[in-house]
Amino acid sequence: APRGIGLAVGDVAKSLLKLAGVHDAWGFARGNTKTKVNYAMATFNALKMTSTVRVTDEQAKSQNIVSGPVGITAAESDVDSMEE
C-alpha cells in the first residue's frame, strides 16, 4: 500500500496488522469474511508469507522496496525515546 494510506482492511485484519506493527496495508477479501477465525487465519498466514517473498535487487530498487525501519533517522529515534 502507498505510504500513509493507513490500514484499508477489515476489522479483524486491522487488529492483527496493528499488533504486527504494520502501518499501511491495502486488503481485498473474497468469500465469507464474517467467519472471523478464517479471516484472522488468512491474515496471519499472509503475514507469515511476507518473509518468504524473494525479489531481485533490481526489482527492489525499481519498486522502492525496503526492509527495516523506514523514514526514521537515528537522531529522530533518539529524540523519540527521550520524550517517553
PDB file of N, CA and C in Angstrom:
ATOM      1  N   ALA A   1       0.847  -1.179   0.000  1.00  0.00           N
ATOM      2  CA  ALA A   1       0.000   0.000   0.000  1.00  0.00           C
ATOM      3  C   ALA A   1       0.891   1.240   0.000  1.00  0.00           C
ATOM      4  N   PRO A   2       0.432   2.288  -0.604  1.00  0.00           N
ATOM      5  CA  PRO A   2       1.209   3.521  -0.571  1.00  0.00           C
ATOM      6  C   PRO A   2       1.391   4.004   0.866  1.00  0.00           C
ATOM      7  N   ARG A   3       2.548   4.568   1.138  1.00  0.00           N
ATOM      8  CA  ARG A   3       2.818   5.072   2.482  1.00  0.00           C
ATOM      9  C   ARG A   3       1.790   6.130   2.849  1.00  0.00           C
ATOM     10  N   GLY A   4       1.248   6.033   4.040  1.00  0.00           N
ATOM     11  CA  GLY A   4       0.276   6.995   4.533  1.00  0.00           C
ATOM     12  C   GLY A   4      -1.171   6.604   4.297  1.00  0.00           C
ATOM     13  N   ILE A   5      -1.408   5.492   3.610  1.00  0.00           N
ATOM     14  CA  ILE A   5      -2.787   5.063   3.318  1.00  0.00           C
ATOM     15  C   ILE A   5      -3.486   4.570   4.581  1.00  0.00           C
ATOM     16  N   GLY A   6      -2.722   4.076   5.524  1.00  0.00           N
ATOM     17  CA  GLY A   6      -3.311   3.505   6.732  1.00  0.00           C
ATOM     18  C   GLY A   6      -3.687   2.057   6.504  1.00  0.00           C
ATOM     19  N   LEU A   7      -4.526   1.525   7.347  1.00  0.00           N
ATOM     20  CA  LEU A   7      -4.946   0.133   7.236  1.00  0.00           C
ATOM     21  C   LEU A   7      -6.320   0.065   6.578  1.00  0.00           C
ATOM     22  N   ALA A   8      -6.316  -0.111   5.263  1.00  0.00           N
ATOM     23  CA  ALA A   8      -7.552  -0.190   4.483  1.00  0.00           C
ATOM     24  C   ALA A   8      -7.941  -1.656   4.336  1.00  0.00           C
ATOM     25  N   VAL A   9      -8.293  -2.271   5.461  1.00  0.00           N
ATOM     26  CA  VAL A   9      -8.657  -3.692   5.514  1.00  0.00           C
ATOM     27  C   VAL A   9      -9.822  -3.850   6.483  1.00  0.00           C
ATOM     28  N   GLY A  10     -10.340  -5.055   6.593  1.00  0.00           N
ATOM     29  CA  GLY A  10     -11.428  -5.327   7.526  1.00  0.00           C
ATOM     30  C   GLY A  10     -10.977  -5.222   8.976  1.00  0.00           C
ATOM     31  N   ASP A  11     -11.931  -5.202   9.888  1.00  0.00           N
ATOM     32  CA  ASP A  11     -11.646  -5.010  11.309  1.00  0.00           C
ATOM     33  C   ASP A  11     -10.744  -6.090  11.896  1.00  0.00           C
ATOM     34  N   VAL A  12     -10.982  -7.342  11.531  1.00  0.00           N
ATOM     35  CA  VAL A  12     -10.175  -8.442  12.067  1.00  0.00           C
ATOM     36  C   VAL A  12      -8.736  -8.302  11.594  1.00  0.00           C
ATOM     37  N   ALA A  13      -8.556  -8.070  10.297  1.00  0.00           N
ATOM     38  CA  ALA A  13      -7.213  -7.907   9.744  1.00  0.00           C
ATOM     39  C   ALA A  13      -6.539  -6.675  10.330  1.00  0.00           C
ATOM     40  N   LYS A  14      -7.300  -5.621  10.531  1.00  0.00           N
ATOM     41  CA  LYS A  14      -6.747  -4.391  11.085  1.00  0.00           C
ATOM     42  C   LYS A  14      -6.171  -4.636  12.480  1.00  0.00           C
ATOM     43  N   SER A  15      -6.868  -5.395  13.298  1.00  0.00           N
ATOM     44  CA  SER A  15      -6.381  -5.706  14.644  1.00  0.00           C
ATOM     45  C   SER A  15      -5.069  -6.477  14.591  1.00  0.00           C
ATOM     46  N   LEU A  16      -5.007  -7.492  13.733  1.00  0.00           N
ATOM     47  CA  LEU A  16      -3.786  -8.295  13.620  1.00  0.00           C
ATOM     48  C   LEU A  16      -2.623  -7.489  13.051  1.00  0.00           C
ATOM     49  N   LEU A  17      -2.891  -6.682  12.047  1.00  0.00           N
ATOM     50  CA  LEU A  17      -1.828  -5.891  11.434  1.00  0.00           C
ATOM     51  C   LEU A  17      -1.283  -4.844  12.393  1.00  0.00           C
ATOM     52  N   LYS A  18      -2.153  -4.257  13.212  1.00  0.00           N
ATOM     53  CA  LYS A  18      -1.688  -3.310  14.229  1.00  0.00           C
ATOM     54  C   LYS A  18      -0.754  -4.000  15.212  1.00  0.00           C
ATOM     55  N   LEU A  19      -1.130  -5.208  15.647  1.00  0.00           N
ATOM     56  CA  LEU A  19      -0.274  -5.965  16.563  1.00  0.00           C
ATOM     57  C   LEU A  19       1.067  -6.313  15.926  1.00  0.00           C
ATOM     58  N   ALA A  20       1.071  -6.516  14.618  1.00  0.00           N
ATOM     59  CA  ALA A  20       2.301  -6.858  13.901  1.00  0.00           C
ATOM     60  C   ALA A  20       3.145  -5.624  13.591  1.00  0.00           C
ATOM     61  N   GLY A  21       2.611  -4.440  13.871  1.00  0.00           N
ATOM     62  CA  GLY A  21       3.371  -3.216  13.628  1.00  0.00           C
ATOM     63  C   GLY A  21       3.262  -2.692  12.208  1.00  0.00           C
ATOM     64  N   VAL A  22       2.273  -3.157  11.468  1.00  0.00           N
ATOM     65  CA  VAL A  22       2.072  -2.702  10.091  1.00  0.00           C
ATOM     66  C   VAL A  22       1.266  -1.412  10.131  1.00  0.00           C
ATOM     67  N   HIS A  23       1.734  -0.398   9.410  1.00  0.00           N
ATOM     68  CA  HIS A  23       1.052   0.896   9.416  1.00  0.00           C
ATOM     69  C   HIS A  23       0.220   1.134   8.160  1.00  0.00           C
ATOM     70  N   ASP A  24       0.673   0.590   7.033  1.00  0.00           N
ATOM     71  CA  ASP A  24      -0.015   0.801   5.766  1.00  0.00           C
ATOM     72  C   ASP A  24      -0.289  -0.543   5.110  1.00  0.00           C
ATOM     73  N   ALA A  25      -1.548  -0.822   4.826  1.00  0.00           N
ATOM     74  CA  ALA A  25      -1.910  -2.072   4.149  1.00  0.00           C
ATOM     75  C   ALA A  25      -3.225  -1.883   3.421  1.00  0.00           C
ATOM     76  N   TRP A  26      -3.304  -2.525   2.294  1.00  0.00           N
ATOM     77  CA  TRP A  26      -4.489  -2.498   1.468  1.00  0.00           C
ATOM     78  C   TRP A  26      -4.956  -3.925   1.344  1.00  0.00           C
ATOM     79  N   GLY A  27      -6.202  -4.200   1.603  1.00  0.00           N
ATOM     80  CA  GLY A  27      -6.650  -5.579   1.558  1.00  0.00           C
ATOM     81  C   GLY A  27      -7.911  -5.766   0.751  1.00  0.00           C
ATOM     82  N   PHE A  28      -8.031  -6.963   0.196  1.00  0.00           N
ATOM     83  CA  PHE A  28      -9.221  -7.351  -0.545  1.00  0.00           C
ATOM     84  C   PHE A  28      -9.513  -8.794  -0.171  1.00  0.00           C
ATOM     85  N   ALA A  29     -10.713  -9.058   0.244  1.00  0.00           N
ATOM     86  CA  ALA A  29     -11.068 -10.421   0.654  1.00  0.00           C
ATOM     87  C   ALA A  29     -12.200 -10.934  -0.216  1.00  0.00           C
ATOM     88  N   ARG A  30     -12.081 -12.205  -0.574  1.00  0.00           N
ATOM     89  CA  ARG A  30     -13.147 -12.874  -1.311  1.00  0.00           C
ATOM     90  C   ARG A  30     -13.745 -13.930  -0.399  1.00  0.00           C
ATOM     91  N   GLY A  31     -14.989 -14.206  -0.562  1.00  0.00           N
ATOM     92  CA  GLY A  31     -15.611 -15.252   0.241  1.00  0.00           C
ATOM     93  C   GLY A  31     -16.282 -14.687   1.476  1.00  0.00           C
ATOM     94  N   ASN A  32     -16.454 -15.538   2.471  1.00  0.00           N
ATOM     95  CA  ASN A  32     -17.181 -15.183   3.679  1.00  0.00           C
ATOM     96  C   ASN A  32     -16.226 -14.653   4.739  1.00  0.00           C
ATOM     97  N   THR A  33     -16.047 -13.346   4.792  1.00  0.00           N
ATOM     98  CA  THR A  33     -15.138 -12.745   5.770  1.00  0.00           C
ATOM     99  C   THR A  33     -15.812 -12.545   7.119  1.00  0.00           C
ATOM    100  N   LYS A  34     -17.079 -12.892   7.224  1.00  0.00           N
ATOM    101  CA  LYS A  34     -17.752 -12.782   8.515  1.00  0.00           C
ATOM    102  C   LYS A  34     -17.337 -13.912   9.439  1.00  0.00           C
ATOM    103  N   THR A  35     -16.724 -14.942   8.880  1.00  0.00           N
ATOM    104  CA  THR A  35     -16.179 -16.018   9.697  1.00  0.00           C
ATOM    105  C   THR A  35     -14.844 -15.509  10.225  1.00  0.00           C
ATOM    106  N   LYS A  36     -14.867 -14.940  11.411  1.00  0.00           N
ATOM    107  CA  LYS A  36     -13.714 -14.213  11.933  1.00  0.00           C
ATOM    108  C   LYS A  36     -12.469 -15.078  12.081  1.00  0.00           C
ATOM    109  N   VAL A  37     -12.636 -16.316  12.486  1.00  0.00           N
ATOM    110  CA  VAL A  37     -11.469 -17.181  12.677  1.00  0.00           C
ATOM    111  C   VAL A  37     -10.770 -17.418  11.340  1.00  0.00           C
ATOM    112  N   ASN A  38     -11.536 -17.704  10.293  1.00  0.00           N
ATOM    113  CA  ASN A  38     -10.935 -17.931   8.976  1.00  0.00           C
ATOM    114  C   ASN A  38     -10.241 -16.674   8.462  1.00  0.00           C
ATOM    115  N   TYR A  39     -10.881 -15.533   8.651  1.00  0.00           N
ATOM    116  CA  TYR A  39     -10.309 -14.257   8.209  1.00  0.00           C
ATOM    117  C   TYR A  39      -9.027 -13.966   8.982  1.00  0.00           C
ATOM    118  N   ALA A  40      -9.030 -14.212  10.272  1.00  0.00           N
ATOM    119  CA  ALA A  40      -7.838 -13.994  11.094  1.00  0.00           C
ATOM    120  C   ALA A  40      -6.708 -14.929  10.666  1.00  0.00           C
ATOM    121  N   MET A  41      -7.030 -16.192  10.416  1.00  0.00           N
ATOM    122  CA  MET A  41      -6.003 -17.144   9.982  1.00  0.00           C
ATOM    123  C   MET A  41      -5.434 -16.757   8.618  1.00  0.00           C
ATOM    124  N   ALA A  42      -6.276 -16.297   7.718  1.00  0.00           N
ATOM    125  CA  ALA A  42      -5.801 -15.871   6.399  1.00  0.00           C
ATOM    126  C   ALA A  42      -4.856 -14.677   6.527  1.00  0.00           C
ATOM    127  N   THR A  43      -5.192 -13.741   7.395  1.00  0.00           N
ATOM    128  CA  THR A  43      -4.335 -12.581   7.625  1.00  0.00           C
ATOM    129  C   THR A  43      -3.013 -13.010   8.240  1.00  0.00           C
ATOM    130  N   PHE A  44      -3.072 -13.883   9.231  1.00  0.00           N
ATOM    131  CA  PHE A  44      -1.864 -14.378   9.883  1.00  0.00           C
ATOM    132  C   PHE A  44      -0.969 -15.106   8.881  1.00  0.00           C
ATOM    133  N   ASN A  45      -1.569 -15.947   8.046  1.00  0.00           N
ATOM    134  CA  ASN A  45      -0.790 -16.665   7.030  1.00  0.00           C
ATOM    135  C   ASN A  45      -0.163 -15.705   6.023  1.00  0.00           C
ATOM    136  N   ALA A  46      -0.874 -14.650   5.671  1.00  0.00           N
ATOM    137  CA  ALA A  46      -0.319 -13.648   4.759  1.00  0.00           C
ATOM    138  C   ALA A  46       0.883 -12.957   5.391  1.00  0.00           C
ATOM    139  N   LEU A  47       0.794 -12.658   6.686  1.00  0.00           N
ATOM    140  CA  LEU A  47       1.931 -12.051   7.382  1.00  0.00           C
ATOM    141  C   LEU A  47       3.129 -12.994   7.397  1.00  0.00           C
ATOM    142  N   LYS A  48       2.882 -14.277   7.631  1.00  0.00           N
ATOM    143  CA  LYS A  48       3.975 -15.256   7.631  1.00  0.00           C
ATOM    144  C   LYS A  48       4.629 -15.342   6.255  1.00  0.00           C
ATOM    145  N   MET A  49       3.832 -15.248   5.212  1.00  0.00           N
ATOM    146  CA  MET A  49       4.363 -15.380   3.855  1.00  0.00           C
ATOM    147  C   MET A  49       5.203 -14.186   3.422  1.00  0.00           C
ATOM    148  N   THR A  50       5.061 -13.045   4.080  1.00  0.00           N
ATOM    149  CA  THR A  50       5.853 -11.880   3.681  1.00  0.00           C
ATOM    150  C   THR A  50       7.338 -12.127   3.870  1.00  0.00           C
ATOM    151  N   SER A  51       7.709 -13.010   4.779  1.00  0.00           N
ATOM    152  CA  SER A  51       9.128 -13.290   4.994  1.00  0.00           C
ATOM    153  C   SER A  51       9.689 -14.246   3.949  1.00  0.00           C
ATOM    154  N   THR A  52       8.839 -14.861   3.137  1.00  0.00           N
ATOM    155  CA  THR A  52       9.313 -15.802   2.123  1.00  0.00           C
ATOM    156  C   THR A  52       9.324 -15.202   0.722  1.00  0.00           C
ATOM    157  N   VAL A  53       8.854 -13.973   0.576  1.00  0.00           N
ATOM    158  CA  VAL A  53       8.842 -13.330  -0.730  1.00  0.00           C
ATOM    159  C   VAL A  53      10.270 -12.950  -1.098  1.00  0.00           C
ATOM    160  N   ARG A  54      10.673 -13.306  -2.304  1.00  0.00           N
ATOM    161  CA  ARG A  54      12.023 -13.001  -2.772  1.00  0.00           C
ATOM    162  C   ARG A  54      11.930 -12.104  -4.002  1.00  0.00           C
ATOM    163  N   VAL A  55      12.685 -11.025  -3.991  1.00  0.00           N
ATOM    164  CA  VAL A  55      12.769 -10.145  -5.146  1.00  0.00           C
ATOM    165  C   VAL A  55      14.237  -9.902  -5.450  1.00  0.00           C
ATOM    166  N   THR A  56      14.523  -9.602  -6.697  1.00  0.00           N
ATOM    167  CA  THR A  56      15.897  -9.292  -7.076  1.00  0.00           C
ATOM    168  C   THR A  56      16.240  -7.886  -6.605  1.00  0.00           C
ATOM    169  N   ASP A  57      17.522  -7.580  -6.554  1.00  0.00           N
ATOM    170  CA  ASP A  57      17.944  -6.234  -6.170  1.00  0.00           C
ATOM    171  C   ASP A  57      17.387  -5.197  -7.140  1.00  0.00           C
ATOM    172  N   GLU A  58      17.321  -5.564  -8.413  1.00  0.00           N
ATOM    173  CA  GLU A  58      16.784  -4.654  -9.426  1.00  0.00           C
ATOM    174  C   GLU A  58      15.304  -4.361  -9.172  1.00  0.00           C
ATOM    175  N   GLN A  59      14.525  -5.391  -8.838  1.00  0.00           N
ATOM    176  CA  GLN A  59      13.103  -5.204  -8.541  1.00  0.00           C
ATOM    177  C   GLN A  59      12.927  -4.349  -7.289  1.00  0.00           C
ATOM    178  N   ALA A  60      13.710  -4.617  -6.273  1.00  0.00           N
ATOM    179  CA  ALA A  60      13.609  -3.853  -5.027  1.00  0.00           C
ATOM    180  C   ALA A  60      13.899  -2.383  -5.271  1.00  0.00           C
ATOM    181  N   LYS A  61      14.899  -2.114  -6.084  1.00  0.00           N
ATOM    182  CA  LYS A  61      15.266  -0.730  -6.363  1.00  0.00           C
ATOM    183  C   LYS A  61      14.194  -0.029  -7.201  1.00  0.00           C
ATOM    184  N   SER A  62      13.695  -0.702  -8.246  1.00  0.00           N
ATOM    185  CA  SER A  62      12.716  -0.069  -9.132  1.00  0.00           C
ATOM    186  C   SER A  62      11.369   0.143  -8.448  1.00  0.00           C
ATOM    187  N   GLN A  63      11.026  -0.699  -7.460  1.00  0.00           N
ATOM    188  CA  GLN A  63       9.739  -0.593  -6.782  1.00  0.00           C
ATOM    189  C   GLN A  63       9.848   0.022  -5.392  1.00  0.00           C
ATOM    190  N   ASN A  64      11.034   0.525  -5.059  1.00  0.00           N
ATOM    191  CA  ASN A  64      11.284   1.164  -3.761  1.00  0.00           C
ATOM    192  C   ASN A  64      10.935   0.253  -2.594  1.00  0.00           C
ATOM    193  N   ILE A  65      11.332  -1.012  -2.685  1.00  0.00           N
ATOM    194  CA  ILE A  65      11.085  -1.967  -1.606  1.00  0.00           C
ATOM    195  C   ILE A  65      12.230  -1.870  -0.617  1.00  0.00           C
ATOM    196  N   VAL A  66      11.890  -1.636   0.633  1.00  0.00           N
ATOM    197  CA  VAL A  66      12.901  -1.550   1.684  1.00  0.00           C
ATOM    198  C   VAL A  66      12.494  -2.452   2.834  1.00  0.00           C
ATOM    199  N   SER A  67      13.454  -2.800   3.657  1.00  0.00           N
ATOM    200  CA  SER A  67      13.133  -3.585   4.847  1.00  0.00           C
ATOM    201  C   SER A  67      13.692  -2.869   6.058  1.00  0.00           C
ATOM    202  N   GLY A  68      13.087  -3.112   7.196  1.00  0.00           N
ATOM    203  CA  GLY A  68      13.515  -2.453   8.424  1.00  0.00           C
ATOM    204  C   GLY A  68      12.799  -1.128   8.593  1.00  0.00           C
ATOM    205  N   PRO A  69      13.218  -0.331   9.592  1.00  0.00           N
ATOM    206  CA  PRO A  69      12.584   0.961   9.840  1.00  0.00           C
ATOM    207  C   PRO A  69      12.731   1.879   8.626  1.00  0.00           C
ATOM    208  N   VAL A  70      11.665   2.555   8.267  1.00  0.00           N
ATOM    209  CA  VAL A  70      11.672   3.412   7.094  1.00  0.00           C
ATOM    210  C   VAL A  70      11.363   4.836   7.507  1.00  0.00           C
ATOM    211  N   GLY A  71      12.170   5.771   7.048  1.00  0.00           N
ATOM    212  CA  GLY A  71      11.883   7.177   7.256  1.00  0.00           C
ATOM    213  C   GLY A  71      12.255   7.717   8.625  1.00  0.00           C
ATOM    214  N   ILE A  72      12.961   6.960   9.434  1.00  0.00           N
ATOM    215  CA  ILE A  72      13.365   7.435  10.754  1.00  0.00           C
ATOM    216  C   ILE A  72      14.880   7.402  10.825  1.00  0.00           C
ATOM    217  N   THR A  73      15.473   8.542  11.085  1.00  0.00           N
ATOM    218  CA  THR A  73      16.923   8.583  11.234  1.00  0.00           C
ATOM    219  C   THR A  73      17.281   8.256  12.674  1.00  0.00           C
ATOM    220  N   ALA A  74      18.533   7.961  12.913  1.00  0.00           N
ATOM    221  CA  ALA A  74      18.984   7.633  14.266  1.00  0.00           C
ATOM    222  C   ALA A  74      18.730   8.802  15.212  1.00  0.00           C
ATOM    223  N   ALA A  75      18.942  10.026  14.737  1.00  0.00           N
ATOM    224  CA  ALA A  75      18.730  11.202  15.583  1.00  0.00           C
ATOM    225  C   ALA A  75      17.264  11.324  15.994  1.00  0.00           C
ATOM    226  N   GLU A  76      16.349  11.102  15.063  1.00  0.00           N
ATOM    227  CA  GLU A  76      14.922  11.177  15.380  1.00  0.00           C
ATOM    228  C   GLU A  76      14.526  10.092  16.362  1.00  0.00           C
ATOM    229  N   SER A  77      15.102   8.915  16.200  1.00  0.00           N
ATOM    230  CA  SER A  77      14.804   7.801  17.089  1.00  0.00           C
ATOM    231  C   SER A  77      15.241   8.122  18.514  1.00  0.00           C
ATOM    232  N   ASP A  78      16.405   8.748  18.659  1.00  0.00           N
ATOM    233  CA  ASP A  78      16.898   9.123  19.986  1.00  0.00           C
ATOM    234  C   ASP A  78      15.988  10.156  20.638  1.00  0.00           C
ATOM    235  N   VAL A  79      15.485  11.106  19.851  1.00  0.00           N
ATOM    236  CA  VAL A  79      14.587  12.136  20.378  1.00  0.00           C
ATOM    237  C   VAL A  79      13.289  11.501  20.849  1.00  0.00           C
ATOM    238  N   ASP A  80      12.745  10.569  20.059  1.00  0.00           N
ATOM    239  CA  ASP A  80      11.503   9.904  20.436  1.00  0.00           C
ATOM    240  C   ASP A  80      11.653   9.143  21.744  1.00  0.00           C
ATOM    241  N   SER A  81      12.779   8.465  21.941  1.00  0.00           N
ATOM    242  CA  SER A  81      12.964   7.688  23.161  1.00  0.00           C
ATOM    243  C   SER A  81      13.145   8.594  24.370  1.00  0.00           C
ATOM    244  N   MET A  82      13.660   9.808  24.165  1.00  0.00           N
ATOM    245  CA  MET A  82      13.829  10.750  25.273  1.00  0.00           C
ATOM    246  C   MET A  82      12.485  11.302  25.734  1.00  0.00           C
ATOM    247  N   GLU A  83      11.547  11.452  24.787  1.00  0.00           N
ATOM    248  CA  GLU A  83      10.243  12.018  25.114  1.00  0.00           C
ATOM    249  C   GLU A  83       9.392  11.068  25.930  1.00  0.00           C
ATOM    250  N   GLU A  84       9.656   9.772  25.825  1.00  0.00           N
ATOM    251  CA  GLU A  84       8.846   8.783  26.541  1.00  0.00           C
ATOM    252  C   GLU A  84       9.254   8.726  27.939  1.00  0.00           C
TER     253      GLU A  84
END
